[in-house]
């Protein structure tokens, strides 16, 4: 196990270094001149040259990268040209919103997908299973940018059950108001996860329930509930864990869309605003943070595989 973890950590470091290089050079391919953005349309060539010198933009690109990455390791991701806030502060203020959305959406997704999959697996091809399959197929065709406006129109505009766009309340300000504003965007994000988790877990459970050890458990007189929870669920959850890692990673991009549509000041909203203002240091910092977060999430789920099935580490 220790050897397996050591190998994965080395691989993680290599991937993070590669990600930092990719983020830096891709961001520097963006059009526009940061010095002109800072100085405004009336900037003179002399002022532009002075700002480029101050920011180190007159140096070779490879030198700029090493200066930037050395600052990153010191916790300095640069400063916004427009708000003069540090990128670290912007991320610290915005990321809790993304984290809340991901946690709430996954709680909703697992709470719905698990009982649906277990009920369908007990009686495959029956009425409930067919209805569940048909519903999830329909949801699979609806991306968040289609679902969000429809749910806002129904639950916020017509029925007034949930607040509409630009109504986010921080958790530290009012707990219950925060939960109230988080429900609707979390449902939007959860729908896609429900489809994936339900279909994977249902198929794996149906296969597992046909195994010989399940037949032996039934012959001992164990109840269906005990067989499902104690014997069938664990070996059927490998594919679910693999999917959860990828799904949660992709949810970060999903939160960006939801935040933009519902005017929530999370990382996605800040990133789009920074792109519109040519604030490349903030774009660079948020992109690096998100990329590293995705790598770490997949590393954590990769480690969870060894807990669910220790044979993975031995292999």
Protein backbone atom coordinates (compact mmCIF):
# COMPACT_ATOMS: atom_id res chain seq x y z
CA UNK A 1 0.00 0.00 0.00
CA UNK A 2 2.79 2.46 0.96
CA UNK A 3 4.60 1.78 -2.33
CA UNK A 4 1.38 2.31 -4.27
CA UNK A 5 0.72 5.64 -2.54
CA UNK A 6 4.34 6.79 -3.12
CA UNK A 7 4.04 6.08 -6.84
CA UNK A 8 0.76 7.98 -7.01
CA UNK A 9 2.24 10.97 -5.17
CA UNK A 10 5.16 11.16 -7.62
CA UNK A 11 2.69 10.98 -10.50
CA UNK A 12 0.57 13.69 -8.83
CA UNK A 13 3.55 16.06 -8.57
CA UNK A 14 4.48 15.49 -12.22
CA UNK A 15 0.91 16.16 -13.34
CA UNK A 16 0.68 19.36 -11.27
CA UNK A 17 3.94 20.65 -12.77
CA UNK A 18 2.64 19.88 -16.26
CA UNK A 19 -0.66 21.60 -15.47
CA UNK A 20 1.10 24.74 -14.23
CA UNK A 21 3.17 24.92 -17.44
CA UNK A 22 0.08 24.39 -19.61
CA UNK A 23 -1.97 27.01 -17.73
CA UNK A 24 0.78 29.64 -17.90
CA UNK A 25 1.53 29.32 -21.60
CA UNK A 26 -2.12 28.95 -22.65
CA UNK A 27 -3.13 32.08 -20.72
CA UNK A 28 -0.30 33.99 -22.37
CA UNK A 29 -1.75 33.10 -25.76
CA UNK A 30 -4.79 35.24 -24.95
CA UNK A 31 -5.07 38.40 -27.08
CA UNK A 32 -4.56 41.84 -25.59
CA UNK A 33 -1.89 43.67 -23.66
CA UNK A 34 -2.15 43.73 -19.84
CA UNK A 35 -0.28 47.05 -19.70
CA UNK A 36 -2.87 48.73 -21.94
CA UNK A 37 -5.64 47.19 -19.79
CA UNK A 38 -4.10 48.72 -16.68
CA UNK A 39 -3.37 52.14 -18.16
CA UNK A 40 -6.51 52.47 -20.24
CA UNK A 41 -7.02 53.60 -23.85
CA UNK A 42 -4.94 56.76 -23.39
CA UNK A 43 -1.74 54.85 -22.58
CA UNK A 44 1.43 56.13 -24.20
CA UNK A 45 4.18 53.82 -25.50
CA UNK A 46 6.47 55.04 -22.71
CA UNK A 47 3.89 54.22 -20.03
CA UNK A 48 3.22 50.81 -21.58
CA UNK A 49 6.94 50.04 -21.60
CA UNK A 50 7.23 51.11 -17.96
CA UNK A 51 4.34 48.87 -16.85
CA UNK A 52 5.72 45.93 -18.86
CA UNK A 53 9.05 46.41 -17.09
CA UNK A 54 7.34 46.64 -13.70
CA UNK A 55 5.36 43.43 -14.26
CA UNK A 56 8.30 41.62 -15.88
CA UNK A 57 6.40 41.24 -19.15
CA UNK A 58 9.43 42.43 -21.11
CA UNK A 59 11.38 39.32 -20.11
CA UNK A 60 11.45 36.03 -22.08
CA UNK A 61 8.38 33.88 -21.53
CA UNK A 62 10.32 31.07 -19.85
CA UNK A 63 11.77 33.56 -17.34
CA UNK A 64 8.28 34.89 -16.65
CA UNK A 65 7.11 31.33 -15.95
CA UNK A 66 9.81 30.61 -13.39
CA UNK A 67 9.19 33.94 -11.65
CA UNK A 68 5.45 33.22 -11.56
CA UNK A 69 5.79 29.61 -10.33
CA UNK A 70 8.22 30.67 -7.60
CA UNK A 71 5.60 33.19 -6.41
CA UNK A 72 2.91 30.47 -6.59
CA UNK A 73 4.90 28.23 -4.23
CA UNK A 74 5.03 31.20 -1.84
CA UNK A 75 1.24 31.52 -1.99
CA UNK A 76 1.27 34.57 -4.26
CA UNK A 77 -0.92 34.16 -7.35
CA UNK A 78 -0.67 37.79 -8.39
CA UNK A 79 -2.97 40.79 -8.06
CA UNK A 80 -6.01 41.91 -10.01
CA UNK A 81 -5.40 44.87 -12.32
CA UNK A 82 -8.96 46.14 -11.92
CA UNK A 83 -9.88 45.57 -8.24
CA UNK A 84 -6.30 45.48 -6.88
CA UNK A 85 -7.25 42.45 -4.80
CA UNK A 86 -4.83 39.55 -4.61
CA UNK A 87 -5.88 36.50 -6.62
CA UNK A 88 -5.52 34.39 -3.47
CA UNK A 89 -8.09 36.60 -1.71
CA UNK A 90 -10.49 36.37 -4.66
CA UNK A 91 -10.22 32.57 -4.64
CA UNK A 92 -10.63 32.39 -0.85
CA UNK A 93 -13.82 34.48 -1.04
CA UNK A 94 -15.29 32.69 -4.07
CA UNK A 95 -14.35 29.02 -3.67
CA UNK A 96 -16.65 28.35 -0.67
CA UNK A 97 -19.62 28.95 -2.99
CA UNK A 98 -18.36 26.33 -5.46
CA UNK A 99 -17.62 23.93 -2.61
CA UNK A 100 -21.11 24.35 -1.18
CA UNK A 101 -22.70 23.76 -4.59
CA UNK A 102 -20.67 20.60 -5.17
CA UNK A 103 -21.35 19.18 -1.69
CA UNK A 104 -25.08 19.94 -1.73
CA UNK A 105 -25.51 18.66 -5.30
CA UNK A 106 -23.72 15.39 -4.49
CA UNK A 107 -25.76 14.86 -1.33
CA UNK A 108 -28.93 15.28 -3.40
CA UNK A 109 -27.57 13.05 -6.18
CA UNK A 110 -26.56 10.17 -3.89
CA UNK A 111 -29.75 10.47 -1.81
CA UNK A 112 -31.86 9.99 -4.95
CA UNK A 113 -29.66 7.72 -7.09
CA UNK A 114 -28.91 5.08 -4.43
CA UNK A 115 -32.48 4.09 -3.49
CA UNK A 116 -33.55 4.32 -7.15
CA UNK A 117 -30.74 2.00 -8.26
CA UNK A 118 -31.34 -0.50 -5.44
CA UNK A 119 -35.07 -0.64 -6.09
CA UNK A 120 -34.52 -1.08 -9.83
CA UNK A 121 -31.86 -3.77 -9.31
CA UNK A 122 -34.14 -5.83 -7.09
CA UNK A 123 -36.75 -6.01 -9.86
CA UNK A 124 -35.12 -5.24 -13.22
CA UNK A 125 -37.35 -4.52 -16.21
CA UNK A 126 -40.39 -4.00 -14.00
CA UNK A 127 -42.52 -0.85 -13.98
CA UNK A 128 -40.32 1.17 -11.58
CA UNK A 129 -37.14 0.18 -13.42
CA UNK A 130 -38.59 1.11 -16.81
CA UNK A 131 -39.88 4.43 -15.50
CA UNK A 132 -36.51 5.23 -13.88
CA UNK A 133 -34.61 4.37 -17.06
CA UNK A 134 -36.91 6.52 -19.16
CA UNK A 135 -36.64 9.48 -16.79
CA UNK A 136 -32.85 9.32 -16.61
CA UNK A 137 -32.61 9.08 -20.40
CA UNK A 138 -34.64 12.28 -20.66
CA UNK A 139 -32.49 14.06 -18.06
CA UNK A 140 -29.34 12.97 -19.88
CA UNK A 141 -30.31 15.20 -22.81
CA UNK A 142 -30.72 18.33 -20.67
CA UNK A 143 -27.51 20.26 -19.84
CA UNK A 144 -27.36 22.71 -16.88
CA UNK A 145 -27.68 25.80 -19.08
CA UNK A 146 -31.06 24.49 -20.27
CA UNK A 147 -32.30 23.20 -16.90
CA UNK A 148 -31.35 26.30 -14.86
CA UNK A 149 -33.54 28.86 -16.69
CA UNK A 150 -36.51 26.48 -16.68
CA UNK A 151 -36.25 25.77 -12.94
CA UNK A 152 -35.75 29.47 -12.18
CA UNK A 153 -38.85 30.30 -14.23
CA UNK A 154 -40.93 27.67 -12.42
CA UNK A 155 -39.66 27.74 -8.81
CA UNK A 156 -38.51 31.38 -8.52
CA UNK A 157 -40.68 33.43 -10.88
CA UNK A 158 -44.03 31.60 -10.94
CA UNK A 159 -44.19 29.64 -7.67
CA UNK A 160 -41.84 31.78 -5.49
CA UNK A 161 -40.51 28.71 -3.68
CA UNK A 162 -36.84 29.60 -4.08
CA UNK A 163 -35.13 32.98 -4.60
CA UNK A 164 -34.08 33.94 -8.11
CA UNK A 165 -30.76 35.12 -9.58
CA UNK A 166 -28.44 37.46 -7.63
CA UNK A 167 -29.97 36.41 -4.29
CA UNK A 168 -27.00 34.53 -2.81
CA UNK A 169 -26.55 34.93 0.96
CA UNK A 170 -23.19 33.90 2.51
CA UNK A 171 -23.22 31.03 4.98
CA UNK A 172 -21.58 33.20 7.66
CA UNK A 173 -24.29 35.86 7.30
CA UNK A 174 -27.45 33.74 7.58
CA UNK A 175 -27.33 29.93 7.69
CA UNK A 176 -30.91 29.15 6.66
CA UNK A 177 -31.04 31.84 3.99
CA UNK A 178 -27.83 30.42 2.56
CA UNK A 179 -29.33 26.92 2.44
CA UNK A 180 -32.46 28.34 0.80
CA UNK A 181 -30.47 30.04 -1.96
CA UNK A 182 -28.34 26.91 -2.51
CA UNK A 183 -31.15 24.41 -3.07
CA UNK A 184 -32.14 25.44 -6.59
CA UNK A 185 -28.62 25.62 -8.14
CA UNK A 186 -27.70 22.38 -6.33
CA UNK A 187 -30.69 20.61 -7.91
CA UNK A 188 -29.59 21.87 -11.34
CA UNK A 189 -26.11 20.38 -10.82
CA UNK A 190 -27.40 17.19 -9.18
CA UNK A 191 -29.63 16.09 -12.07
CA UNK A 192 -26.72 15.08 -14.30
CA UNK A 193 -25.01 13.22 -11.44
CA UNK A 194 -28.22 11.35 -10.60
CA UNK A 195 -28.38 9.97 -14.14
CA UNK A 196 -24.77 8.71 -14.11
CA UNK A 197 -24.85 7.26 -10.58
CA UNK A 198 -28.21 5.57 -11.06
CA UNK A 199 -27.33 3.85 -14.31
CA UNK A 200 -23.88 2.68 -13.19
CA UNK A 201 -25.00 1.40 -9.79
CA UNK A 202 -28.13 -0.26 -11.19
CA UNK A 203 -26.21 -2.20 -13.83
CA UNK A 204 -23.46 -3.27 -11.41
CA UNK A 205 -25.99 -4.33 -8.75
CA UNK A 206 -27.95 -6.42 -11.24
CA UNK A 207 -24.72 -8.19 -12.21
CA UNK A 208 -23.59 -8.65 -8.59
CA UNK A 209 -26.95 -10.02 -7.45
CA UNK A 210 -26.49 -12.89 -9.91
CA UNK A 211 -23.16 -13.99 -8.38
CA UNK A 212 -22.76 -17.29 -6.50
CA UNK A 213 -21.95 -15.65 -3.16
CA UNK A 214 -25.28 -13.81 -3.28
CA UNK A 215 -27.08 -17.11 -3.94
CA UNK A 216 -25.27 -18.58 -0.93
CA UNK A 217 -26.29 -15.62 1.23
CA UNK A 218 -29.92 -16.11 0.20
CA UNK A 219 -29.68 -19.83 1.03
CA UNK A 220 -28.64 -18.88 4.56
CA UNK A 221 -31.91 -17.00 4.98
CA UNK A 222 -30.54 -13.45 4.90
CA UNK A 223 -33.06 -10.75 4.04
CA UNK A 224 -32.90 -8.92 0.73
CA UNK A 225 -32.13 -5.68 2.57
CA UNK A 226 -29.15 -7.20 4.40
CA UNK A 227 -27.85 -8.83 1.22
CA UNK A 228 -28.09 -5.56 -0.66
CA UNK A 229 -26.32 -3.43 1.95
CA UNK A 230 -23.78 -5.91 3.36
CA UNK A 231 -22.88 -8.06 0.36
CA UNK A 232 -23.90 -6.50 -2.97
CA UNK A 233 -23.30 -2.76 -2.55
CA UNK A 234 -19.55 -2.75 -1.87
CA UNK A 235 -18.39 -4.83 -4.87
CA UNK A 236 -20.82 -2.87 -7.06
CA UNK A 237 -19.44 0.54 -6.07
CA UNK A 238 -16.07 0.45 -7.92
CA UNK A 239 -17.52 1.86 -11.14
CA UNK A 240 -19.53 4.34 -9.10
CA UNK A 241 -16.40 5.65 -7.38
CA UNK A 242 -14.58 5.97 -10.70
CA UNK A 243 -17.52 7.88 -12.10
CA UNK A 244 -17.86 10.06 -8.98
CA UNK A 245 -14.27 11.27 -9.34
CA UNK A 246 -14.83 12.30 -12.95
CA UNK A 247 -18.32 13.67 -12.26
CA UNK A 248 -17.26 15.84 -9.32
CA UNK A 249 -14.34 17.16 -11.38
CA UNK A 250 -16.70 18.07 -14.21
CA UNK A 251 -19.08 19.66 -11.71
CA UNK A 252 -16.55 22.45 -11.23
CA UNK A 253 -17.22 23.44 -14.84
CA UNK A 254 -20.94 22.95 -14.18
CA UNK A 255 -20.83 25.34 -11.23
CA UNK A 256 -19.29 27.96 -13.51
CA UNK A 257 -22.32 27.83 -15.79
CA UNK A 258 -24.81 27.89 -12.91
CA UNK A 259 -22.99 30.75 -11.17
CA UNK A 260 -23.02 32.80 -14.35
CA UNK A 261 -26.72 32.17 -14.99
CA UNK A 262 -27.80 32.75 -11.37
CA UNK A 263 -25.32 35.58 -10.68
CA UNK A 264 -23.56 33.81 -7.80
CA UNK A 265 -20.11 35.28 -7.00
CA UNK A 266 -18.22 31.99 -7.15
CA UNK A 267 -15.06 31.08 -9.04
CA UNK A 268 -16.90 30.77 -12.35
CA UNK A 269 -18.44 34.21 -12.06
CA UNK A 270 -15.08 35.72 -11.09
CA UNK A 271 -13.31 33.92 -13.94
CA UNK A 272 -15.74 35.17 -16.60
CA UNK A 273 -15.55 38.71 -15.19
CA UNK A 274 -11.74 38.59 -15.28
CA UNK A 275 -11.75 37.34 -18.87
CA UNK A 276 -14.06 40.18 -19.93
CA UNK A 277 -11.70 42.68 -18.27
CA UNK A 278 -8.49 41.12 -19.65
CA UNK A 279 -7.34 40.58 -16.07
CA UNK A 280 -4.95 37.81 -17.03
CA UNK A 281 -3.30 37.29 -13.60
CA UNK A 282 -6.66 36.45 -12.02
CA UNK A 283 -7.56 34.22 -14.98
CA UNK A 284 -4.21 32.47 -14.64
CA UNK A 285 -4.53 32.02 -10.86
CA UNK A 286 -8.12 30.72 -10.91
CA UNK A 287 -7.39 28.38 -13.82
CA UNK A 288 -4.37 26.92 -12.03
CA UNK A 289 -6.34 26.51 -8.79
CA UNK A 290 -9.20 24.72 -10.57
CA UNK A 291 -6.83 22.48 -12.56
CA UNK A 292 -4.92 21.44 -9.44
CA UNK A 293 -8.21 20.87 -7.57
CA UNK A 294 -9.41 18.52 -10.33
CA UNK A 295 -6.13 16.58 -10.21
CA UNK A 296 -6.35 16.28 -6.40
CA UNK A 297 -9.99 15.14 -6.52
CA UNK A 298 -9.13 12.34 -8.92
CA UNK A 299 -6.12 11.40 -6.78
CA UNK A 300 -8.36 11.13 -3.70
CA UNK A 301 -10.86 8.91 -5.52
CA UNK A 302 -8.00 6.83 -6.89
CA UNK A 303 -6.92 6.25 -3.28
CA UNK A 304 -10.50 5.38 -2.26
CA UNK A 305 -10.43 2.52 -4.79
CA UNK A 306 -7.75 0.81 -2.69
CA UNK A 307 -9.99 1.04 0.40
CA UNK A 308 -13.04 -0.41 -1.34
CA UNK A 309 -10.98 -3.07 -3.12
CA UNK A 310 -7.43 -3.58 -1.67
CA UNK A 311 -6.53 -5.83 -4.63
CA UNK A 312 -6.07 -2.69 -6.75
CA UNK A 313 -3.02 -1.62 -4.69
CA UNK A 314 -1.54 -5.13 -4.81
CA UNK A 315 -1.91 -5.27 -8.57
